[in-house]
Protein backbone atom coordinates (compact mmCIF):
# COMPACT_ATOMS: atom_id res chain seq x y z
CA UNK A 1 -28.84 -21.55 -51.58
CA UNK A 2 -27.90 -19.58 -48.50
CA UNK A 3 -24.95 -17.24 -48.31
CA UNK A 4 -24.77 -17.49 -44.51
CA UNK A 5 -22.76 -20.49 -43.34
CA UNK A 6 -24.58 -23.05 -41.25
CA UNK A 7 -21.98 -22.99 -38.50
CA UNK A 8 -20.97 -19.87 -36.70
CA UNK A 9 -17.66 -19.33 -35.01
CA UNK A 10 -18.47 -18.80 -31.34
CA UNK A 11 -14.85 -18.39 -30.28
CA UNK A 12 -15.00 -14.64 -30.86
CA UNK A 13 -18.42 -14.29 -29.22
CA UNK A 14 -18.49 -12.33 -26.00
CA UNK A 15 -19.92 -14.40 -23.13
CA UNK A 16 -22.87 -12.84 -21.39
CA UNK A 17 -22.63 -11.57 -17.85
CA UNK A 18 -24.85 -13.44 -15.37
CA UNK A 19 -27.80 -11.50 -14.02
CA UNK A 20 -26.45 -11.89 -10.47
CA UNK A 21 -23.50 -9.63 -11.34
CA UNK A 22 -25.89 -6.91 -12.50
CA UNK A 23 -27.90 -7.33 -9.29
CA UNK A 24 -24.70 -6.92 -7.27
CA UNK A 25 -23.78 -3.80 -9.25
CA UNK A 26 -27.18 -2.24 -8.58
CA UNK A 27 -26.97 -3.23 -4.89
CA UNK A 28 -23.54 -1.58 -4.67
CA UNK A 29 -24.90 1.63 -6.14
CA UNK A 30 -27.89 1.52 -3.77
CA UNK A 31 -25.58 0.88 -0.80
CA UNK A 32 -23.46 3.84 -1.89
CA UNK A 33 -26.61 6.00 -1.96
CA UNK A 34 -27.45 4.88 1.58
CA UNK A 35 -23.93 5.78 2.67
CA UNK A 36 -24.25 9.24 1.07
CA UNK A 37 -27.46 9.86 3.00
CA UNK A 38 -25.69 8.69 6.16
CA UNK A 39 -22.79 11.06 5.38
CA UNK A 40 -25.10 14.03 5.71
CA UNK A 41 -26.14 12.89 9.18
CA UNK A 42 -22.56 12.53 10.42
CA UNK A 43 -20.80 15.32 12.14
CA UNK A 44 -17.60 16.19 10.35
CA UNK A 45 -15.01 14.12 12.13
CA UNK A 46 -12.24 11.71 11.20
CA UNK A 47 -14.66 9.09 9.77
CA UNK A 48 -15.94 11.36 7.01
CA UNK A 49 -12.95 10.77 4.72
CA UNK A 50 -13.22 7.00 5.25
CA UNK A 51 -16.91 7.05 4.32
CA UNK A 52 -16.27 9.19 1.22
CA UNK A 53 -13.59 6.71 0.13
CA UNK A 54 -15.95 3.76 0.63
CA UNK A 55 -18.70 5.48 -1.38
CA UNK A 56 -16.25 6.22 -4.19
CA UNK A 57 -15.09 2.58 -4.26
CA UNK A 58 -18.68 1.26 -4.26
CA UNK A 59 -19.72 3.58 -7.09
CA UNK A 60 -16.60 2.76 -9.10
CA UNK A 61 -17.12 -1.00 -8.81
CA UNK A 62 -20.87 -0.75 -9.45
CA UNK A 63 -20.55 1.35 -12.60
CA UNK A 64 -17.61 -0.72 -13.85
CA UNK A 65 -19.56 -3.96 -13.45
CA UNK A 66 -22.56 -2.49 -15.25
CA UNK A 67 -20.26 -1.46 -18.10
CA UNK A 68 -18.57 -4.90 -18.12
CA UNK A 69 -15.05 -3.69 -17.40
CA UNK A 70 -12.45 -6.25 -16.42
CA UNK A 71 -10.80 -3.92 -13.91
CA UNK A 72 -14.13 -3.66 -12.06
CA UNK A 73 -14.26 -7.43 -11.64
CA UNK A 74 -10.69 -7.49 -10.28
CA UNK A 75 -11.36 -4.49 -8.02
CA UNK A 76 -14.58 -6.08 -6.79
CA UNK A 77 -12.87 -9.33 -5.89
CA UNK A 78 -9.98 -7.56 -4.12
CA UNK A 79 -12.21 -5.12 -2.21
CA UNK A 80 -14.64 -7.84 -1.14
CA UNK A 81 -11.78 -10.08 0.05
CA UNK A 82 -10.37 -7.19 2.08
CA UNK A 83 -13.82 -6.40 3.49
CA UNK A 84 -14.32 -10.02 4.53
CA UNK A 85 -10.89 -10.04 6.19
CA UNK A 86 -11.54 -6.79 8.04
CA UNK A 87 -14.99 -7.97 9.06
CA UNK A 88 -13.59 -11.20 10.45
CA UNK A 89 -10.88 -9.34 12.36
CA UNK A 90 -13.42 -6.97 13.90
CA UNK A 91 -15.81 -9.83 14.67
CA UNK A 92 -13.10 -11.89 16.38
CA UNK A 93 -11.08 -9.20 18.13
CA UNK A 94 -13.67 -6.43 18.55
CA UNK A 95 -14.67 -5.40 22.05
CA UNK A 96 -18.37 -5.78 22.73
CA UNK A 97 -21.34 -6.95 20.76
CA UNK A 98 -21.77 -3.60 19.01
CA UNK A 99 -18.41 -4.00 17.25
CA UNK A 100 -19.31 -7.54 16.15
CA UNK A 101 -22.68 -6.39 14.80
CA UNK A 102 -21.10 -3.40 13.05
CA UNK A 103 -18.45 -5.63 11.48
CA UNK A 104 -21.12 -8.05 10.30
CA UNK A 105 -23.34 -5.36 8.73
CA UNK A 106 -20.68 -3.01 7.45
CA UNK A 107 -17.92 -5.31 6.19
CA UNK A 108 -18.59 -9.05 6.29
CA UNK A 109 -22.03 -9.33 4.68
CA UNK A 110 -21.41 -6.82 1.85
CA UNK A 111 -18.09 -8.53 1.12
CA UNK A 112 -19.69 -11.95 0.87
CA UNK A 113 -22.63 -10.63 -1.17
CA UNK A 114 -20.19 -9.07 -3.64
CA UNK A 115 -17.70 -11.94 -3.79
CA UNK A 116 -20.02 -14.91 -4.33
CA UNK A 117 -21.57 -13.80 -7.68
CA UNK A 118 -18.23 -12.53 -8.99
CA UNK A 119 -16.54 -15.90 -8.50
CA UNK A 120 -19.06 -17.98 -10.44
CA UNK A 121 -17.73 -19.65 -13.57
CA UNK A 122 -19.92 -17.62 -15.92
CA UNK A 123 -18.88 -14.32 -14.33
CA UNK A 124 -15.18 -15.20 -14.50
CA UNK A 125 -15.60 -16.21 -18.13
CA UNK A 126 -17.49 -13.01 -18.99
CA UNK A 127 -14.84 -10.78 -17.43
CA UNK A 128 -11.84 -12.79 -18.67
CA UNK A 129 -9.31 -11.05 -20.85
CA UNK A 130 -10.14 -11.70 -24.48
CA UNK A 131 -7.68 -11.26 -27.31
CA UNK A 132 -8.42 -8.31 -29.54
CA UNK A 133 -9.73 -9.62 -32.83
CA UNK A 134 -10.60 -6.80 -35.16
CA UNK A 135 -9.48 -4.69 -38.05
CA UNK A 136 -5.79 -4.98 -38.74
CA UNK A 137 -5.15 -7.89 -36.42
CA UNK A 138 -4.48 -11.43 -37.36
CA UNK A 139 -7.14 -13.65 -35.82
CA UNK A 140 -6.67 -17.19 -34.60
């Protein structure tokens, strides 16, 4: 006779994060590394603080997604939505084809690449707020 019950309660089980979210996190960290290398080639002007801020945001989201933090999912969705909006504004109202190309490469594509895997059902479920069930709490 077995001591382990035949049915397990899966309500307290933590859903797994889809592999696409991990790929996005690694891509964000790689993109941040590319930006750091590009920072060293820039002359120190007004864009340097903007690039440092973008690198910090990319690293924060990437590490947070790898560590499965809910705030990283929220921050990733917000930042990618803003990047898509800024990219669209630059693509529509930018002067010249260089601005359109820069908006596409720098804002629009990274925003879409980040947003699509984060909005899948499995990713939303994995990063959803779960009630704390542990020592000293009354479970469901």
